[in-house]
Amino acid sequence: MNCFPMMIPLEGKRVVLVGGGNVALRKAEKLRLFGAKIAVCAPVVLPALAVLADEKHARYQKDLLFGAAFAVAATDDRALNAAVAEDCNRLGIPVNSVDAPAECSFYFPAVITEGDVTVAVSTGGASPALAAALKRYIASRLPENLNEICKRAETLRGTMPAEEYAAAVQKLLEDES
């Protein structure tokens, strides 16, 4: 599936995460990197996930979705994941169902973060393993001081015409690589 890549600020936004196991933990770790407030819904939650949770609920209920930026269905219960996806779709809330790409309104990309720089790779749910492999490939080729390059590019922004700025940033990247 061809998806539009969109970056959204998550700082302080509430995300409902249904599930308490390893898959839910991996999603929570990614979300926490970007400042999301995580509401975990599961009867049993891994201790590492419990630490990341801002809210804990013993079971999923549709009313927990209200006020959520989006939801993630990450349980080992196919029927529950499908119910979460259906509820979200009816309420117009973006949802990622980890075991059913067809039910997702968005996908988690493989992400590289270095300070203010974020690089995301997605296969539209077709092959998370390929996205992860591409992430490793790209990460191995990025300069180690990428965040410093970004900060220098930021100081140049607005100090010259757009074409000169683009050329200056390209030179910065080439000189530092």
N, C-alpha and C. Protein backbone atom coordinates (compact mmCIF):
# COMPACT_ATOMS: atom_id res chain seq x y z
N MET A 1 0.84 -1.17 0.00
CA MET A 1 0.00 0.00 0.00
C MET A 1 0.89 1.24 0.00
N ASN A 2 0.55 2.18 -0.83
CA ASN A 2 1.30 3.42 -0.91
C ASN A 2 0.74 4.40 0.12
N CYS A 3 1.54 4.77 1.10
CA CYS A 3 1.08 5.63 2.20
C CYS A 3 1.80 6.97 2.18
N PHE A 4 1.08 8.00 2.57
CA PHE A 4 1.67 9.33 2.69
C PHE A 4 2.42 9.41 4.02
N PRO A 5 3.71 9.76 3.99
CA PRO A 5 4.46 9.90 5.24
C PRO A 5 4.12 11.24 5.90
N MET A 6 3.74 11.18 7.15
CA MET A 6 3.35 12.39 7.86
C MET A 6 3.96 12.36 9.26
N MET A 7 4.61 13.42 9.65
CA MET A 7 5.18 13.52 10.99
C MET A 7 4.24 14.38 11.83
N ILE A 8 3.89 13.88 13.00
CA ILE A 8 3.00 14.63 13.89
C ILE A 8 3.66 14.78 15.26
N PRO A 9 3.54 15.96 15.85
CA PRO A 9 4.08 16.13 17.20
C PRO A 9 3.22 15.33 18.19
N LEU A 10 3.87 14.52 19.01
CA LEU A 10 3.16 13.69 19.99
C LEU A 10 3.33 14.16 21.42
N GLU A 11 4.20 15.12 21.64
CA GLU A 11 4.49 15.58 23.00
C GLU A 11 3.20 15.89 23.75
N GLY A 12 2.96 15.15 24.84
CA GLY A 12 1.80 15.40 25.68
C GLY A 12 0.48 14.85 25.16
N LYS A 13 0.49 14.22 24.00
CA LYS A 13 -0.75 13.68 23.44
C LYS A 13 -1.00 12.28 23.99
N ARG A 14 -2.26 11.97 24.20
CA ARG A 14 -2.66 10.68 24.78
C ARG A 14 -2.81 9.63 23.69
N VAL A 15 -2.19 8.48 23.91
CA VAL A 15 -2.28 7.35 22.99
C VAL A 15 -2.78 6.15 23.79
N VAL A 16 -3.81 5.48 23.27
CA VAL A 16 -4.34 4.28 23.92
C VAL A 16 -3.63 3.07 23.34
N LEU A 17 -3.01 2.30 24.20
CA LEU A 17 -2.26 1.10 23.81
C LEU A 17 -2.93 -0.11 24.46
N VAL A 18 -3.58 -0.92 23.63
CA VAL A 18 -4.28 -2.10 24.13
C VAL A 18 -3.34 -3.29 24.01
N GLY A 19 -2.93 -3.81 25.14
CA GLY A 19 -1.99 -4.93 25.17
C GLY A 19 -0.96 -4.71 26.25
N GLY A 20 -0.44 -5.80 26.79
CA GLY A 20 0.52 -5.67 27.89
C GLY A 20 1.78 -6.47 27.72
N GLY A 21 2.00 -7.02 26.52
CA GLY A 21 3.15 -7.89 26.28
C GLY A 21 4.30 -7.21 25.56
N ASN A 22 5.15 -8.03 24.96
CA ASN A 22 6.36 -7.54 24.31
C ASN A 22 6.10 -6.62 23.13
N VAL A 23 5.10 -6.95 22.31
CA VAL A 23 4.79 -6.09 21.16
C VAL A 23 4.31 -4.72 21.66
N ALA A 24 3.44 -4.72 22.65
CA ALA A 24 2.96 -3.46 23.22
C ALA A 24 4.13 -2.67 23.82
N LEU A 25 5.05 -3.36 24.47
CA LEU A 25 6.22 -2.70 25.05
C LEU A 25 7.04 -2.01 23.97
N ARG A 26 7.28 -2.69 22.85
CA ARG A 26 8.06 -2.07 21.76
C ARG A 26 7.36 -0.82 21.22
N LYS A 27 6.05 -0.88 21.08
CA LYS A 27 5.30 0.29 20.61
C LYS A 27 5.40 1.42 21.63
N ALA A 28 5.25 1.09 22.91
CA ALA A 28 5.32 2.11 23.96
C ALA A 28 6.69 2.78 24.00
N GLU A 29 7.75 1.99 23.81
CA GLU A 29 9.10 2.57 23.81
C GLU A 29 9.25 3.57 22.68
N LYS A 30 8.72 3.26 21.51
CA LYS A 30 8.78 4.21 20.39
C LYS A 30 7.97 5.47 20.70
N LEU A 31 6.77 5.27 21.23
CA LEU A 31 5.91 6.41 21.53
C LEU A 31 6.51 7.32 22.60
N ARG A 32 7.13 6.73 23.61
CA ARG A 32 7.72 7.51 24.69
C ARG A 32 8.85 8.40 24.18
N LEU A 33 9.60 7.93 23.19
CA LEU A 33 10.68 8.75 22.61
C LEU A 33 10.17 10.09 22.10
N PHE A 34 8.88 10.12 21.73
CA PHE A 34 8.32 11.33 21.17
C PHE A 34 7.35 12.03 22.14
N GLY A 35 7.39 11.65 23.41
CA GLY A 35 6.66 12.36 24.44
C GLY A 35 5.19 12.04 24.59
N ALA A 36 4.72 10.94 24.03
CA ALA A 36 3.30 10.58 24.15
C ALA A 36 2.95 10.21 25.58
N LYS A 37 1.73 10.50 25.96
CA LYS A 37 1.14 10.03 27.22
C LYS A 37 0.46 8.71 26.89
N ILE A 38 0.87 7.64 27.53
CA ILE A 38 0.43 6.31 27.14
C ILE A 38 -0.58 5.74 28.14
N ALA A 39 -1.75 5.38 27.61
CA ALA A 39 -2.79 4.72 28.40
C ALA A 39 -2.77 3.25 28.02
N VAL A 40 -2.30 2.40 28.92
CA VAL A 40 -2.19 0.96 28.66
C VAL A 40 -3.45 0.26 29.17
N CYS A 41 -4.01 -0.59 28.32
CA CYS A 41 -5.21 -1.36 28.66
C CYS A 41 -4.88 -2.84 28.53
N ALA A 42 -4.74 -3.53 29.65
CA ALA A 42 -4.46 -4.97 29.64
C ALA A 42 -4.60 -5.51 31.05
N PRO A 43 -5.08 -6.75 31.19
CA PRO A 43 -5.19 -7.33 32.52
C PRO A 43 -3.84 -7.65 33.14
N VAL A 44 -2.87 -8.00 32.30
CA VAL A 44 -1.51 -8.30 32.76
C VAL A 44 -0.55 -7.46 31.92
N VAL A 45 0.35 -6.75 32.59
CA VAL A 45 1.27 -5.84 31.90
C VAL A 45 2.70 -6.15 32.33
N LEU A 46 3.59 -6.24 31.34
CA LEU A 46 5.00 -6.42 31.66
C LEU A 46 5.48 -5.28 32.55
N PRO A 47 6.33 -5.54 33.53
CA PRO A 47 6.82 -4.47 34.41
C PRO A 47 7.45 -3.31 33.64
N ALA A 48 8.22 -3.61 32.59
CA ALA A 48 8.86 -2.55 31.81
C ALA A 48 7.82 -1.67 31.11
N LEU A 49 6.71 -2.25 30.71
CA LEU A 49 5.63 -1.48 30.09
C LEU A 49 4.88 -0.66 31.14
N ALA A 50 4.66 -1.24 32.31
CA ALA A 50 3.97 -0.52 33.38
C ALA A 50 4.69 0.77 33.74
N VAL A 51 6.01 0.74 33.70
CA VAL A 51 6.81 1.93 34.00
C VAL A 51 6.56 3.04 32.98
N LEU A 52 6.30 2.67 31.73
CA LEU A 52 6.09 3.65 30.67
C LEU A 52 4.67 4.20 30.63
N ALA A 53 3.74 3.52 31.30
CA ALA A 53 2.33 3.89 31.24
C ALA A 53 2.01 5.10 32.12
N ASP A 54 1.29 6.05 31.54
CA ASP A 54 0.78 7.19 32.31
C ASP A 54 -0.57 6.85 32.92
N GLU A 55 -1.29 5.95 32.26
CA GLU A 55 -2.57 5.45 32.77
C GLU A 55 -2.54 3.93 32.63
N LYS A 56 -3.19 3.24 33.58
CA LYS A 56 -3.29 1.78 33.50
C LYS A 56 -4.75 1.39 33.67
N HIS A 57 -5.24 0.58 32.75
CA HIS A 57 -6.61 0.09 32.80
C HIS A 57 -6.57 -1.43 32.66
N ALA A 58 -7.33 -2.12 33.50
CA ALA A 58 -7.29 -3.59 33.52
C ALA A 58 -7.88 -4.21 32.26
N ARG A 59 -8.77 -3.48 31.60
CA ARG A 59 -9.33 -4.03 30.36
C ARG A 59 -9.72 -2.90 29.43
N TYR A 60 -9.81 -3.24 28.15
CA TYR A 60 -10.19 -2.28 27.14
C TYR A 60 -11.69 -1.99 27.20
N GLN A 61 -12.02 -0.71 27.12
CA GLN A 61 -13.40 -0.25 26.96
C GLN A 61 -13.38 0.87 25.94
N LYS A 62 -14.38 0.89 25.09
CA LYS A 62 -14.43 1.87 24.01
C LYS A 62 -14.30 3.30 24.51
N ASP A 63 -14.87 3.61 25.67
CA ASP A 63 -14.83 5.00 26.16
C ASP A 63 -13.41 5.47 26.48
N LEU A 64 -12.46 4.55 26.60
CA LEU A 64 -11.06 4.94 26.82
C LEU A 64 -10.47 5.63 25.59
N LEU A 65 -11.11 5.45 24.43
CA LEU A 65 -10.60 6.04 23.19
C LEU A 65 -10.85 7.55 23.12
N PHE A 66 -11.85 8.03 23.84
CA PHE A 66 -12.19 9.45 23.75
C PHE A 66 -11.02 10.32 24.21
N GLY A 67 -10.65 11.27 23.38
CA GLY A 67 -9.53 12.15 23.68
C GLY A 67 -8.18 11.61 23.26
N ALA A 68 -8.16 10.44 22.63
CA ALA A 68 -6.89 9.86 22.20
C ALA A 68 -6.48 10.41 20.83
N ALA A 69 -5.19 10.65 20.67
CA ALA A 69 -4.66 11.06 19.37
C ALA A 69 -4.75 9.89 18.40
N PHE A 70 -4.48 8.69 18.91
CA PHE A 70 -4.64 7.46 18.15
C PHE A 70 -4.56 6.28 19.10
N ALA A 71 -4.78 5.09 18.55
CA ALA A 71 -4.75 3.87 19.37
C ALA A 71 -3.93 2.80 18.68
N VAL A 72 -3.42 1.89 19.50
CA VAL A 72 -2.66 0.74 19.00
C VAL A 72 -3.26 -0.51 19.63
N ALA A 73 -3.65 -1.46 18.78
CA ALA A 73 -4.15 -2.75 19.25
C ALA A 73 -3.00 -3.74 19.14
N ALA A 74 -2.44 -4.12 20.28
CA ALA A 74 -1.22 -4.95 20.29
C ALA A 74 -1.36 -6.12 21.25
N THR A 75 -2.48 -6.84 21.13
CA THR A 75 -2.68 -8.01 21.98
C THR A 75 -2.44 -9.28 21.16
N ASP A 76 -2.48 -10.42 21.83
CA ASP A 76 -2.41 -11.69 21.10
C ASP A 76 -3.82 -12.25 20.88
N ASP A 77 -4.82 -11.40 21.06
CA ASP A 77 -6.22 -11.77 20.87
C ASP A 77 -6.74 -11.09 19.60
N ARG A 78 -6.85 -11.86 18.53
CA ARG A 78 -7.25 -11.33 17.22
C ARG A 78 -8.60 -10.63 17.30
N ALA A 79 -9.55 -11.22 18.03
CA ALA A 79 -10.89 -10.63 18.12
C ALA A 79 -10.86 -9.28 18.85
N LEU A 80 -10.07 -9.18 19.89
CA LEU A 80 -9.95 -7.92 20.62
C LEU A 80 -9.29 -6.86 19.75
N ASN A 81 -8.22 -7.22 19.07
CA ASN A 81 -7.57 -6.26 18.17
C ASN A 81 -8.56 -5.76 17.11
N ALA A 82 -9.36 -6.67 16.55
CA ALA A 82 -10.34 -6.30 15.53
C ALA A 82 -11.40 -5.37 16.12
N ALA A 83 -11.83 -5.64 17.35
CA ALA A 83 -12.83 -4.78 18.01
C ALA A 83 -12.28 -3.38 18.25
N VAL A 84 -11.03 -3.29 18.69
CA VAL A 84 -10.39 -1.98 18.90
C VAL A 84 -10.34 -1.22 17.57
N ALA A 85 -9.91 -1.90 16.51
CA ALA A 85 -9.82 -1.26 15.19
C ALA A 85 -11.20 -0.79 14.72
N GLU A 86 -12.20 -1.62 14.91
CA GLU A 86 -13.56 -1.24 14.50
C GLU A 86 -14.06 -0.04 15.29
N ASP A 87 -13.85 -0.04 16.60
CA ASP A 87 -14.26 1.10 17.43
C ASP A 87 -13.56 2.38 16.97
N CYS A 88 -12.28 2.29 16.75
CA CYS A 88 -11.51 3.47 16.31
C CYS A 88 -12.01 3.97 14.96
N ASN A 89 -12.24 3.06 14.04
CA ASN A 89 -12.71 3.46 12.71
C ASN A 89 -14.07 4.15 12.80
N ARG A 90 -14.94 3.65 13.64
CA ARG A 90 -16.27 4.28 13.82
C ARG A 90 -16.16 5.67 14.44
N LEU A 91 -15.18 5.84 15.32
CA LEU A 91 -15.00 7.13 16.02
C LEU A 91 -14.08 8.09 15.27
N GLY A 92 -13.50 7.64 14.17
CA GLY A 92 -12.59 8.49 13.41
C GLY A 92 -11.24 8.67 14.09
N ILE A 93 -10.84 7.68 14.88
CA ILE A 93 -9.56 7.74 15.59
C ILE A 93 -8.57 6.85 14.84
N PRO A 94 -7.43 7.38 14.45
CA PRO A 94 -6.43 6.54 13.77
C PRO A 94 -6.05 5.34 14.63
N VAL A 95 -5.85 4.19 13.98
CA VAL A 95 -5.54 2.96 14.72
C VAL A 95 -4.50 2.14 13.98
N ASN A 96 -3.65 1.49 14.77
CA ASN A 96 -2.69 0.51 14.26
C ASN A 96 -3.02 -0.80 14.94
N SER A 97 -3.36 -1.81 14.14
CA SER A 97 -3.62 -3.15 14.66
C SER A 97 -2.44 -4.01 14.24
N VAL A 98 -1.64 -4.42 15.22
CA VAL A 98 -0.34 -5.02 14.91
C VAL A 98 -0.41 -6.32 14.11
N ASP A 99 -1.54 -7.01 14.16
CA ASP A 99 -1.63 -8.29 13.47
C ASP A 99 -2.50 -8.27 12.22
N ALA A 100 -2.97 -7.09 11.82
CA ALA A 100 -3.87 -7.00 10.66
C ALA A 100 -3.66 -5.69 9.91
N PRO A 101 -2.69 -5.63 9.01
CA PRO A 101 -2.43 -4.40 8.26
C PRO A 101 -3.67 -3.82 7.58
N ALA A 102 -4.59 -4.67 7.13
CA ALA A 102 -5.78 -4.18 6.44
C ALA A 102 -6.70 -3.37 7.36
N GLU A 103 -6.58 -3.57 8.67
CA GLU A 103 -7.41 -2.83 9.63
C GLU A 103 -6.75 -1.54 10.10
N CYS A 104 -5.54 -1.30 9.69
CA CYS A 104 -4.78 -0.13 10.15
C CYS A 104 -5.13 1.11 9.34
N SER A 105 -5.23 2.23 10.02
CA SER A 105 -5.34 3.51 9.32
C SER A 105 -3.98 4.21 9.30
N PHE A 106 -2.99 3.62 9.97
CA PHE A 106 -1.60 4.08 9.89
C PHE A 106 -0.69 2.93 10.29
N TYR A 107 0.58 3.06 9.94
CA TYR A 107 1.58 2.04 10.27
C TYR A 107 2.71 2.69 11.04
N PHE A 108 3.35 1.92 11.89
CA PHE A 108 4.56 2.38 12.57
C PHE A 108 5.73 2.17 11.62
N PRO A 109 6.44 3.23 11.26
CA PRO A 109 7.62 3.04 10.44
C PRO A 109 8.81 2.58 11.29
N ALA A 110 9.82 2.08 10.62
CA ALA A 110 11.11 1.86 11.29
C ALA A 110 11.73 3.25 11.41
N VAL A 111 12.21 3.62 12.59
CA VAL A 111 12.61 5.00 12.86
C VAL A 111 14.06 5.10 13.31
N ILE A 112 14.73 6.11 12.76
CA ILE A 112 16.07 6.49 13.20
C ILE A 112 15.92 7.89 13.78
N THR A 113 16.35 8.11 15.02
CA THR A 113 16.31 9.45 15.59
C THR A 113 17.70 9.83 16.08
N GLU A 114 18.07 11.03 15.76
CA GLU A 114 19.33 11.60 16.21
C GLU A 114 19.04 13.06 16.52
N GLY A 115 18.73 13.35 17.78
CA GLY A 115 18.36 14.71 18.14
C GLY A 115 17.08 15.12 17.43
N ASP A 116 17.14 16.22 16.70
CA ASP A 116 15.97 16.72 15.98
C ASP A 116 15.73 16.02 14.65
N VAL A 117 16.64 15.17 14.23
CA VAL A 117 16.50 14.49 12.95
C VAL A 117 15.79 13.15 13.15
N THR A 118 14.74 12.95 12.39
CA THR A 118 14.02 11.69 12.39
C THR A 118 13.91 11.19 10.97
N VAL A 119 14.33 9.96 10.75
CA VAL A 119 14.22 9.31 9.45
C VAL A 119 13.28 8.12 9.65
N ALA A 120 12.24 8.04 8.83
CA ALA A 120 11.27 6.95 8.95
C ALA A 120 11.23 6.16 7.65
N VAL A 121 11.14 4.83 7.80
CA VAL A 121 11.08 3.93 6.65
C VAL A 121 9.86 3.04 6.82
N SER A 122 9.04 2.95 5.78
CA SER A 122 7.85 2.12 5.85
C SER A 122 7.67 1.32 4.57
N THR A 123 7.06 0.17 4.72
CA THR A 123 6.66 -0.63 3.56
C THR A 123 5.13 -0.70 3.50
N GLY A 124 4.46 0.20 4.18
CA GLY A 124 3.00 0.21 4.19
C GLY A 124 2.41 -1.05 4.81
N GLY A 125 3.13 -1.64 5.73
CA GLY A 125 2.65 -2.84 6.40
C GLY A 125 2.99 -4.13 5.68
N ALA A 126 3.56 -4.04 4.47
CA ALA A 126 3.84 -5.25 3.68
C ALA A 126 4.95 -6.10 4.29
N SER A 127 6.02 -5.45 4.77
CA SER A 127 7.14 -6.22 5.33
C SER A 127 7.88 -5.40 6.38
N PRO A 128 7.46 -5.48 7.63
CA PRO A 128 8.18 -4.79 8.69
C PRO A 128 9.66 -5.20 8.75
N ALA A 129 9.97 -6.44 8.40
CA ALA A 129 11.37 -6.89 8.41
C ALA A 129 12.19 -6.13 7.37
N LEU A 130 11.61 -5.88 6.19
CA LEU A 130 12.32 -5.11 5.17
C LEU A 130 12.51 -3.67 5.64
N ALA A 131 11.49 -3.09 6.25
CA ALA A 131 11.61 -1.72 6.77
C ALA A 131 12.74 -1.64 7.79
N ALA A 132 12.83 -2.64 8.67
CA ALA A 132 13.90 -2.67 9.68
C ALA A 132 15.26 -2.82 9.03
N ALA A 133 15.35 -3.65 7.99
CA ALA A 133 16.63 -3.83 7.28
C ALA A 133 17.04 -2.54 6.59
N LEU A 134 16.09 -1.85 5.96
CA LEU A 134 16.39 -0.57 5.32
C LEU A 134 16.82 0.47 6.35
N LYS A 135 16.19 0.45 7.50
CA LYS A 135 16.57 1.37 8.59
C LYS A 135 18.03 1.17 8.96
N ARG A 136 18.42 -0.08 9.15
CA ARG A 136 19.82 -0.37 9.51
C ARG A 136 20.77 0.08 8.39
N TYR A 137 20.38 -0.16 7.15
CA TYR A 137 21.20 0.23 6.00
C TYR A 137 21.39 1.75 5.97
N ILE A 138 20.30 2.48 6.11
CA ILE A 138 20.37 3.95 6.09
C ILE A 138 21.16 4.47 7.29
N ALA A 139 20.89 3.93 8.47
CA ALA A 139 21.57 4.39 9.69
C ALA A 139 23.08 4.22 9.58
N SER A 140 23.51 3.16 8.93
CA SER A 140 24.95 2.91 8.81
C SER A 140 25.64 3.91 7.89
N ARG A 141 24.86 4.64 7.12
CA ARG A 141 25.43 5.59 6.17
C ARG A 141 25.26 7.05 6.59
N LEU A 142 24.58 7.29 7.68
CA LEU A 142 24.39 8.67 8.15
C LEU A 142 25.62 9.13 8.92
N PRO A 143 25.95 10.42 8.82
CA PRO A 143 27.08 10.93 9.58
C PRO A 143 26.81 10.85 11.08
N GLU A 144 27.86 10.58 11.84
CA GLU A 144 27.71 10.44 13.29
C GLU A 144 27.28 11.73 13.97
N ASN A 145 27.60 12.86 13.37
CA ASN A 145 27.26 14.15 13.97
C ASN A 145 26.03 14.78 13.29
N LEU A 146 25.07 13.96 12.94
CA LEU A 146 23.90 14.42 12.20
C LEU A 146 23.13 15.51 12.95
N ASN A 147 22.97 15.38 14.25
CA ASN A 147 22.24 16.40 14.99
C ASN A 147 22.99 17.73 14.98
N GLU A 148 24.31 17.69 15.05
CA GLU A 148 25.11 18.92 14.97
C GLU A 148 24.94 19.58 13.59
N ILE A 149 24.92 18.78 12.54
CA ILE A 149 24.69 19.31 11.19
C ILE A 149 23.31 19.97 11.14
N CYS A 150 22.33 19.33 11.74
CA CYS A 150 20.97 19.88 11.76
C CYS A 150 20.95 21.24 12.47
N LYS A 151 21.63 21.33 13.59
CA LYS A 151 21.67 22.60 14.34
C LYS A 151 22.33 23.71 13.52
N ARG A 152 23.40 23.34 12.82
CA ARG A 152 24.06 24.35 11.97
C ARG A 152 23.15 24.77 10.81
N ALA A 153 22.46 23.81 10.23
CA ALA A 153 21.52 24.12 9.14
C ALA A 153 20.40 25.02 9.64
N GLU A 154 19.96 24.78 10.86
CA GLU A 154 18.90 25.60 11.44
C GLU A 154 19.36 27.06 11.60
N THR A 155 20.61 27.27 12.00
CA THR A 155 21.10 28.64 12.17
C THR A 155 21.20 29.37 10.83
N LEU A 156 21.41 28.63 9.75
CA LEU A 156 21.48 29.25 8.43
C LEU A 156 20.11 29.58 7.85
N ARG A 157 19.10 28.86 8.32
CA ARG A 157 17.76 29.01 7.75
C ARG A 157 17.28 30.45 7.90
N GLY A 158 16.78 31.00 6.82
CA GLY A 158 16.26 32.36 6.83
C GLY A 158 17.31 33.44 6.65
N THR A 159 18.58 33.05 6.56
CA THR A 159 19.65 34.05 6.42
C THR A 159 20.04 34.28 4.97
N MET A 160 19.46 33.49 4.06
CA MET A 160 19.81 33.60 2.64
C MET A 160 18.64 33.10 1.80
N PRO A 161 18.65 33.41 0.52
CA PRO A 161 17.58 32.91 -0.36
C PRO A 161 17.52 31.37 -0.34
N ALA A 162 16.34 30.84 -0.61
CA ALA A 162 16.08 29.40 -0.50
C ALA A 162 17.07 28.55 -1.30
N GLU A 163 17.38 28.96 -2.52
CA GLU A 163 18.30 28.16 -3.35
C GLU A 163 19.70 28.13 -2.75
N GLU A 164 20.16 29.27 -2.24
CA GLU A 164 21.47 29.32 -1.60
C GLU A 164 21.48 28.48 -0.32
N TYR A 165 20.39 28.57 0.41
CA TYR A 165 20.27 27.80 1.65
C TYR A 165 20.35 26.30 1.36
N ALA A 166 19.61 25.84 0.36
CA ALA A 166 19.63 24.42 0.00
C ALA A 166 21.04 23.98 -0.37
N ALA A 167 21.74 24.80 -1.12
CA ALA A 167 23.12 24.47 -1.51
C ALA A 167 24.04 24.46 -0.29
N ALA A 168 23.85 25.41 0.61
CA ALA A 168 24.68 25.49 1.82
C ALA A 168 24.46 24.26 2.71
N VAL A 169 23.22 23.84 2.84
CA VAL A 169 22.93 22.65 3.65
C VAL A 169 23.52 21.41 3.00
N GLN A 170 23.41 21.30 1.68
CA GLN A 170 24.01 20.17 0.96
C GLN A 170 25.52 20.13 1.20
N LYS A 171 26.16 21.30 1.15
CA LYS A 171 27.61 21.37 1.38
C LYS A 171 27.95 20.97 2.82
N LEU A 172 27.15 21.46 3.77
CA LEU A 172 27.35 21.08 5.17
C LEU A 172 27.33 19.55 5.32
N LEU A 173 26.35 18.93 4.72
CA LEU A 173 26.21 17.48 4.82
C LEU A 173 27.38 16.77 4.15
N GLU A 174 27.77 17.23 2.99
CA GLU A 174 28.89 16.60 2.27
C GLU A 174 30.21 16.79 3.02
N ASP A 175 30.42 17.99 3.57
CA ASP A 175 31.67 18.27 4.29
C ASP A 175 31.79 17.43 5.56
N GLU A 176 30.67 17.13 6.19
CA GLU A 176 30.68 16.41 7.46
C GLU A 176 30.59 14.90 7.30
N SER A 177 30.28 14.45 6.11
CA SER A 177 30.11 13.00 5.90
C SER A 177 31.42 12.31 5.62
